[in-house]
C-alpha atoms as a PDB file:
ATOM      1  CA  MET A   1      50.407 -50.850  16.983  1.00  0.00           C
ATOM      2  CA  SER A   2      47.412 -49.367  18.847  1.00  0.00           C
ATOM      3  CA  LEU A   3      47.120 -45.751  19.881  1.00  0.00           C
ATOM      4  CA  LEU A   4      46.192 -46.856  23.390  1.00  0.00           C
ATOM      5  CA  LYS A   5      49.512 -48.746  23.756  1.00  0.00           C
ATOM      6  CA  VAL A   6      51.471 -45.733  22.458  1.00  0.00           C
ATOM      7  CA  ALA A   7      49.607 -43.451  24.896  1.00  0.00           C
ATOM      8  CA  ARG A   8      50.460 -45.794  27.771  1.00  0.00           C
ATOM      9  CA  ASP A   9      54.124 -46.090  26.751  1.00  0.00           C
ATOM     10  CA  LEU A  10      54.628 -42.332  26.255  1.00  0.00           C
ATOM     11  CA  ARG A  11      52.327 -41.338  29.113  1.00  0.00           C
ATOM     12  CA  ILE A  12      50.437 -38.950  26.882  1.00  0.00           C
ATOM     13  CA  LYS A  13      46.647 -38.961  26.835  1.00  0.00           C
ATOM     14  CA  LYS A  14      45.133 -40.909  23.961  1.00  0.00           C
ATOM     15  CA  GLU A  15      42.925 -37.889  23.118  1.00  0.00           C
ATOM     16  CA  HIS A  16      46.045 -35.737  22.675  1.00  0.00           C
ATOM     17  CA  LEU A  17      47.635 -38.269  20.345  1.00  0.00           C
ATOM     18  CA  GLU A  18      44.418 -38.459  18.311  1.00  0.00           C
ATOM     19  CA  ALA A  19      44.325 -34.647  18.093  1.00  0.00           C
ATOM     20  CA  LEU A  20      47.990 -34.657  16.901  1.00  0.00           C
ATOM     21  CA  GLU A  21      47.189 -37.242  14.220  1.00  0.00           C
ATOM     22  CA  VAL A  22      44.375 -35.134  12.708  1.00  0.00           C
ATOM     23  CA  GLY A  23      45.874 -31.698  13.414  1.00  0.00           C
ATOM     24  CA  ASP A  24      43.109 -30.660  15.859  1.00  0.00           C
ATOM     25  CA  TRP A  25      45.132 -27.932  17.573  1.00  0.00           C
ATOM     26  CA  GLN A  26      42.125 -26.578  19.492  1.00  0.00           C
ATOM     27  CA  ASN A  27      41.921 -29.694  21.673  1.00  0.00           C
ATOM     28  CA  LEU A  28      45.607 -29.726  22.570  1.00  0.00           C
ATOM     29  CA  PRO A  29      47.304 -27.994  25.484  1.00  0.00           C
ATOM     30  CA  GLU A  30      49.726 -25.073  25.233  1.00  0.00           C
ATOM     31  CA  PRO A  31      52.355 -25.157  22.426  1.00  0.00           C
ATOM     32  CA  PRO A  32      55.345 -26.060  24.657  1.00  0.00           C
ATOM     33  CA  PHE A  33      53.542 -29.237  25.708  1.00  0.00           C
ATOM     34  CA  VAL A  34      52.521 -30.026  22.129  1.00  0.00           C
ATOM     35  CA  LYS A  35      56.148 -29.689  20.995  1.00  0.00           C
ATOM     36  CA  GLY A  36      57.186 -32.177  23.677  1.00  0.00           C
ATOM     37  CA  PHE A  37      54.404 -34.553  22.577  1.00  0.00           C
ATOM     38  CA  ILE A  38      55.549 -34.316  18.924  1.00  0.00           C
ATOM     39  CA  LYS A  39      59.192 -35.020  19.797  1.00  0.00           C
ATOM     40  CA  SER A  40      58.264 -38.006  21.988  1.00  0.00           C
ATOM     41  CA  TYR A  41      55.774 -39.410  19.469  1.00  0.00           C
ATOM     42  CA  ALA A  42      58.218 -38.982  16.560  1.00  0.00           C
ATOM     43  CA  GLY A  43      60.984 -40.707  18.554  1.00  0.00           C
ATOM     44  CA  TYR A  44      58.626 -43.560  19.479  1.00  0.00           C
ATOM     45  CA  LEU A  45      57.636 -44.054  15.828  1.00  0.00           C
ATOM     46  CA  GLY A  46      61.241 -43.749  14.608  1.00  0.00           C
ATOM     47  CA  LEU A  47      60.566 -40.531  12.638  1.00  0.00           C
ATOM     48  CA  ASP A  48      62.772 -37.434  12.380  1.00  0.00           C
ATOM     49  CA  ALA A  49      61.701 -35.154  15.281  1.00  0.00           C
ATOM     50  CA  ASN A  50      63.103 -31.999  13.606  1.00  0.00           C
ATOM     51  CA  HIS A  51      61.095 -32.661  10.442  1.00  0.00           C
ATOM     52  CA  MET A  52      57.915 -33.235  12.502  1.00  0.00           C
ATOM     53  CA  MET A  53      58.549 -29.962  14.380  1.00  0.00           C
ATOM     54  CA  ALA A  54      58.926 -28.128  11.065  1.00  0.00           C
ATOM     55  CA  ILE A  55      55.548 -29.497   9.933  1.00  0.00           C
ATOM     56  CA  PHE A  56      53.989 -28.399  13.258  1.00  0.00           C
ATOM     57  CA  ARG A  57      55.380 -24.848  12.917  1.00  0.00           C
ATOM     58  CA  ARG A  58      54.060 -24.654   9.350  1.00  0.00           C
ATOM     59  CA  GLU A  59      50.538 -25.836  10.238  1.00  0.00           C
ATOM     60  CA  TYR A  60      50.038 -24.255  13.679  1.00  0.00           C
ATOM     61  CA  ASP A  61      48.998 -20.582  13.884  1.00  0.00           C
ATOM     62  CA  GLU A  62      49.255 -19.264  17.473  1.00  0.00           C
ATOM     63  CA  LYS A  63      46.934 -16.319  16.740  1.00  0.00           C
ATOM     64  CA  LYS A  64      44.200 -18.635  15.487  1.00  0.00           C
ATOM     65  CA  TYR A  65      44.111 -21.029  18.445  1.00  0.00           C
ATOM     66  CA  SER A  66      43.621 -19.784  21.975  1.00  0.00           C
ATOM     67  CA  HIS A  67      44.561 -22.261  24.651  1.00  0.00           C
ATOM     68  CA  LYS A  68      43.635 -22.834  28.207  1.00  0.00           C
ATOM     69  CA  ALA A  69      46.325 -23.880  30.634  1.00  0.00           C
ATOM     70  CA  VAL A  70      46.220 -27.602  31.327  1.00  0.00           C
ATOM     71  CA  PHE A  71      48.760 -27.586  34.102  1.00  0.00           C
ATOM     72  CA  GLY A  72      47.674 -24.362  35.827  1.00  0.00           C
ATOM     73  CA  LYS A  73      49.518 -23.467  38.971  1.00  0.00           C
ATOM     74  CA  SER A  74      47.323 -22.973  41.995  1.00  0.00           C
ATOM     75  CA  LYS A  75      47.849 -19.533  43.400  1.00  0.00           C
ATOM     76  CA  ARG A  76      48.920 -19.498  47.010  1.00  0.00           C
ATOM     77  CA  PHE A  77      47.741 -16.822  49.363  1.00  0.00           C
ATOM     78  CA  MET A  78      50.628 -14.470  50.044  1.00  0.00           C
ATOM     79  CA  PHE A  79      50.394 -12.470  53.263  1.00  0.00           C
ATOM     80  CA  THR A  80      51.886  -9.107  52.335  1.00  0.00           C
ATOM     81  CA  TYR A  81      52.168  -5.775  54.101  1.00  0.00           C
ATOM     82  CA  ASN A  82      49.389  -4.261  51.967  1.00  0.00           C
ATOM     83  CA  ARG A  83      47.064  -7.159  52.735  1.00  0.00           C
ATOM     84  CA  LEU A  84      47.876  -6.799  56.436  1.00  0.00           C
ATOM     85  CA  ILE A  85      46.978  -3.103  56.332  1.00  0.00           C
ATOM     86  CA  SER A  86      43.777  -3.895  54.410  1.00  0.00           C
ATOM     87  CA  LEU A  87      42.865  -6.580  56.932  1.00  0.00           C
ATOM     88  CA  ILE A  88      43.461  -4.227  59.867  1.00  0.00           C
ATOM     89  CA  ILE A  89      41.341  -1.502  58.251  1.00  0.00           C
ATOM     90  CA  PHE A  90      38.578  -4.013  57.466  1.00  0.00           C
ATOM     91  CA  LEU A  91      38.573  -5.325  61.056  1.00  0.00           C
ATOM     92  CA  ALA A  92      38.522  -1.777  62.444  1.00  0.00           C
ATOM     93  CA  ILE A  93      35.499  -0.968  60.284  1.00  0.00           C
ATOM     94  CA  VAL A  94      33.726  -4.158  61.377  1.00  0.00           C
ATOM     95  CA  VAL A  95      34.396  -3.411  65.060  1.00  0.00           C
ATOM     96  CA  PHE A  96      33.207   0.190  64.640  1.00  0.00           C
ATOM     97  CA  VAL A  97      29.997  -0.878  62.877  1.00  0.00           C
ATOM     98  CA  ALA A  98      29.367  -3.529  65.558  1.00  0.00           C
ATOM     99  CA  TYR A  99      29.845  -0.866  68.255  1.00  0.00           C
ATOM    100  CA  LEU A 100      27.353   1.425  66.508  1.00  0.00           C
ATOM    101  CA  VAL A 101      24.804  -1.397  66.212  1.00  0.00           C
ATOM    102  CA  VAL A 102      25.129  -2.280  69.913  1.00  0.00           C
ATOM    103  CA  GLN A 103      24.749   1.374  70.917  1.00  0.00           C
ATOM    104  CA  TYR A 104      21.740   1.814  68.639  1.00  0.00           C
ATOM    105  CA  LEU A 105      20.066  -1.313  70.005  1.00  0.00           C
ATOM    106  CA  SER A 106      20.685  -0.166  73.582  1.00  0.00           C
ATOM    107  CA  LEU A 107      18.890   3.080  72.744  1.00  0.00           C
ATOM    108  CA  LEU A 108      15.908   1.153  71.430  1.00  0.00           C
ATOM    109  CA  SER A 109      15.562  -1.105  74.466  1.00  0.00           C
ATOM    110  CA  ALA A 110      13.756  -0.057  77.626  1.00  0.00           C
ATOM    111  CA  PRO A 111      15.863  -0.073  80.806  1.00  0.00           C
ATOM    112  CA  LYS A 112      15.507  -3.061  83.094  1.00  0.00           C
ATOM    113  CA  LEU A 113      13.374  -2.383  86.156  1.00  0.00           C
ATOM    114  CA  GLU A 114      12.714  -4.812  88.987  1.00  0.00           C
ATOM    115  CA  VAL A 115      10.658  -3.929  92.096  1.00  0.00           C
ATOM    116  CA  PHE A 116      11.294  -6.125  95.145  1.00  0.00           C
ATOM    117  CA  THR A 117       8.895  -4.572  97.664  1.00  0.00           C
ATOM    118  CA  PRO A 118       5.970  -4.085  98.210  1.00  0.00           C
ATOM    119  CA  GLN A 119       4.046  -7.089  96.953  1.00  0.00           C
ATOM    120  CA  ASP A 120       1.392  -6.255  94.389  1.00  0.00           C
ATOM    121  CA  ASP A 121      -2.257  -6.137  95.441  1.00  0.00           C
ATOM    122  CA  SER A 122      -1.549  -6.180  99.172  1.00  0.00           C
ATOM    123  CA  THR A 123      -3.340  -4.653 102.155  1.00  0.00           C
ATOM    124  CA  THR A 124      -1.632  -2.872 105.038  1.00  0.00           C
ATOM    125  CA  SER A 125      -2.588  -0.863 108.115  1.00  0.00           C
ATOM    126  CA  ILE A 126       0.679   1.135 108.176  1.00  0.00           C
ATOM    127  CA  PRO A 127       0.371   4.512 106.362  1.00  0.00           C
ATOM    128  CA  TYR A 128       3.887   4.240 104.882  1.00  0.00           C
ATOM    129  CA  VAL A 129       5.341   1.721 102.464  1.00  0.00           C
ATOM    130  CA  VAL A 130       8.985   1.208 101.455  1.00  0.00           C
ATOM    131  CA  ILE A 131       9.434   0.706  97.727  1.00  0.00           C
ATOM    132  CA  SER A 132      12.737  -0.933  96.821  1.00  0.00           C
ATOM    133  CA  GLY A 133      14.117  -2.455  93.672  1.00  0.00           C
ATOM    134  CA  HIS A 134      16.811  -2.504  91.053  1.00  0.00           C
ATOM    135  CA  ALA A 135      17.252  -0.653  87.729  1.00  0.00           C
ATOM    136  CA  GLU A 136      20.034  -0.228  85.162  1.00  0.00           C
ATOM    137  CA  LYS A 137      22.802   2.037  86.413  1.00  0.00           C
ATOM    138  CA  ASP A 138      22.315   4.772  83.821  1.00  0.00           C
ATOM    139  CA  ALA A 139      18.504   4.843  84.197  1.00  0.00           C
ATOM    140  CA  GLN A 140      16.439   7.398  86.112  1.00  0.00           C
ATOM    141  CA  VAL A 141      13.753   6.021  88.410  1.00  0.00           C
ATOM    142  CA  ALA A 142      10.643   7.971  89.347  1.00  0.00           C
ATOM    143  CA  ILE A 143       8.050   6.836  91.897  1.00  0.00           C
ATOM    144  CA  GLU A 144       4.782   8.726  91.607  1.00  0.00           C
ATOM    145  CA  GLY A 145       6.634  11.480  89.709  1.00  0.00           C
ATOM    146  CA  VAL A 146       9.420  11.887  92.284  1.00  0.00           C
ATOM    147  CA  PHE A 147      12.928  11.023  91.087  1.00  0.00           C
ATOM    148  CA  VAL A 148      14.663   8.496  93.314  1.00  0.00           C
ATOM    149  CA  PRO A 149      18.472   8.239  93.490  1.00  0.00           C
ATOM    150  CA  LEU A 150      20.194   4.980  92.558  1.00  0.00           C
ATOM    151  CA  ASP A 151      23.254   3.630  94.356  1.00  0.00           C
ATOM    152  CA  GLU A 152      26.372   2.503  92.460  1.00  0.00           C
ATOM    153  CA  ASP A 153      24.827  -0.945  91.865  1.00  0.00           C
ATOM    154  CA  GLY A 154      21.536   0.436  90.515  1.00  0.00           C
ATOM    155  CA  ASN A 155      19.478  -0.271  93.662  1.00  0.00           C
ATOM    156  CA  PHE A 156      16.887   2.174  94.937  1.00  0.00           C
ATOM    157  CA  SER A 157      14.683   2.561  98.017  1.00  0.00           C
ATOM    158  CA  TYR A 158      11.948   5.105  98.710  1.00  0.00           C
ATOM    159  CA  GLN A 159       9.393   5.561 101.493  1.00  0.00           C
ATOM    160  CA  LEU A 160       5.956   6.620 100.241  1.00  0.00           C
ATOM    161  CA  GLU A 161       3.030   7.864 102.321  1.00  0.00           C
ATOM    162  CA  LEU A 162      -0.197   6.006 101.545  1.00  0.00           C
ATOM    163  CA  LYS A 163      -3.714   7.465 101.374  1.00  0.00           C
ATOM    164  CA  ASP A 164      -6.777   5.741 102.800  1.00  0.00           C
ATOM    165  CA  GLY A 165      -8.269   3.175 100.453  1.00  0.00           C
ATOM    166  CA  GLN A 166      -6.666   1.916  97.244  1.00  0.00           C
ATOM    167  CA  ASN A 167      -3.258   3.354  96.205  1.00  0.00           C
ATOM    168  CA  ILE A 168      -1.974   2.776  92.658  1.00  0.00           C
ATOM    169  CA  ILE A 169       1.774   3.323  92.653  1.00  0.00           C
ATOM    170  CA  GLU A 170       3.654   3.815  89.368  1.00  0.00           C
ATOM    171  CA  ILE A 171       7.394   3.159  89.248  1.00  0.00           C
ATOM    172  CA  ILE A 172       8.977   4.306  85.983  1.00  0.00           C
ATOM    173  CA  ALA A 173      12.555   3.774  84.781  1.00  0.00           C
ATOM    174  CA  SER A 174      13.773   5.749  81.791  1.00  0.00           C
ATOM    175  CA  LYS A 175      16.938   6.342  79.828  1.00  0.00           C
ATOM    176  CA  ARG A 176      17.619   9.124  77.430  1.00  0.00           C
ATOM    177  CA  LEU A 177      16.051   8.545  73.965  1.00  0.00           C
ATOM    178  CA  SER A 178      14.732   5.092  74.864  1.00  0.00           C
ATOM    179  CA  PRO A 179      11.328   3.712  75.806  1.00  0.00           C
ATOM    180  CA  LYS A 180      10.345   3.664  79.470  1.00  0.00           C
ATOM    181  CA  SER A 181       9.842   0.669  81.747  1.00  0.00           C
ATOM    182  CA  LYS A 182       6.825   0.871  84.024  1.00  0.00           C
ATOM    183  CA  VAL A 183       5.732  -1.229  87.009  1.00  0.00           C
ATOM    184  CA  THR A 184       2.416  -0.615  88.756  1.00  0.00           C
ATOM    185  CA  LYS A 185       1.709  -1.765  92.316  1.00  0.00           C
ATOM    186  CA  VAL A 186      -1.692  -1.662  94.043  1.00  0.00           C
ATOM    187  CA  ILE A 187      -1.621  -1.227  97.849  1.00  0.00           C
ATOM    188  CA  ARG A 188      -4.718  -0.865 100.053  1.00  0.00           C
ATOM    189  CA  LEU A 189      -4.531   1.089 103.311  1.00  0.00           C
ATOM    190  CA  SER A 190      -7.104   0.068 105.881  1.00  0.00           C
ATOM    191  CA  ARG A 191      -7.072   1.548 109.413  1.00  0.00           C
END
């Protein structure tokens, strides 16, 4: 009778049966499984199962052989109250850190400034020019050092008196603790 046929009939791995034959306890699974293997194998061979178990108990030293679980149960994720609290605290910390990062980055960025009129490098015969544009709502806009009020949408308009010849007009938008945005327009007044 071949060991392969016995393994197939008993549905026990051939390697386990070989380890039982030579007493290689290190390569066998946990003792409860080994006891079941011994009883099945003894019954298949027509031997006394109790006598075979007595031999196993005499030869096997549990302290000497450490075993790994062959049929380990996979642990399921259990959603408990403590894990819920931990998850909520973790999410609150993540949201808070994200808020701080966004606020910090907004401090580092210059405010948006867009000037609609006048066109750059233009010539006019009118001694006044209307400067209009759009800036971020919380920015302060200054035209040639004069602060210009913004409406609720962030739009501004300012009338500036021109001097004869070339006029270099600086429009600056600034926010607290952040870099400034600057637009320069060149207007020539010719009469």
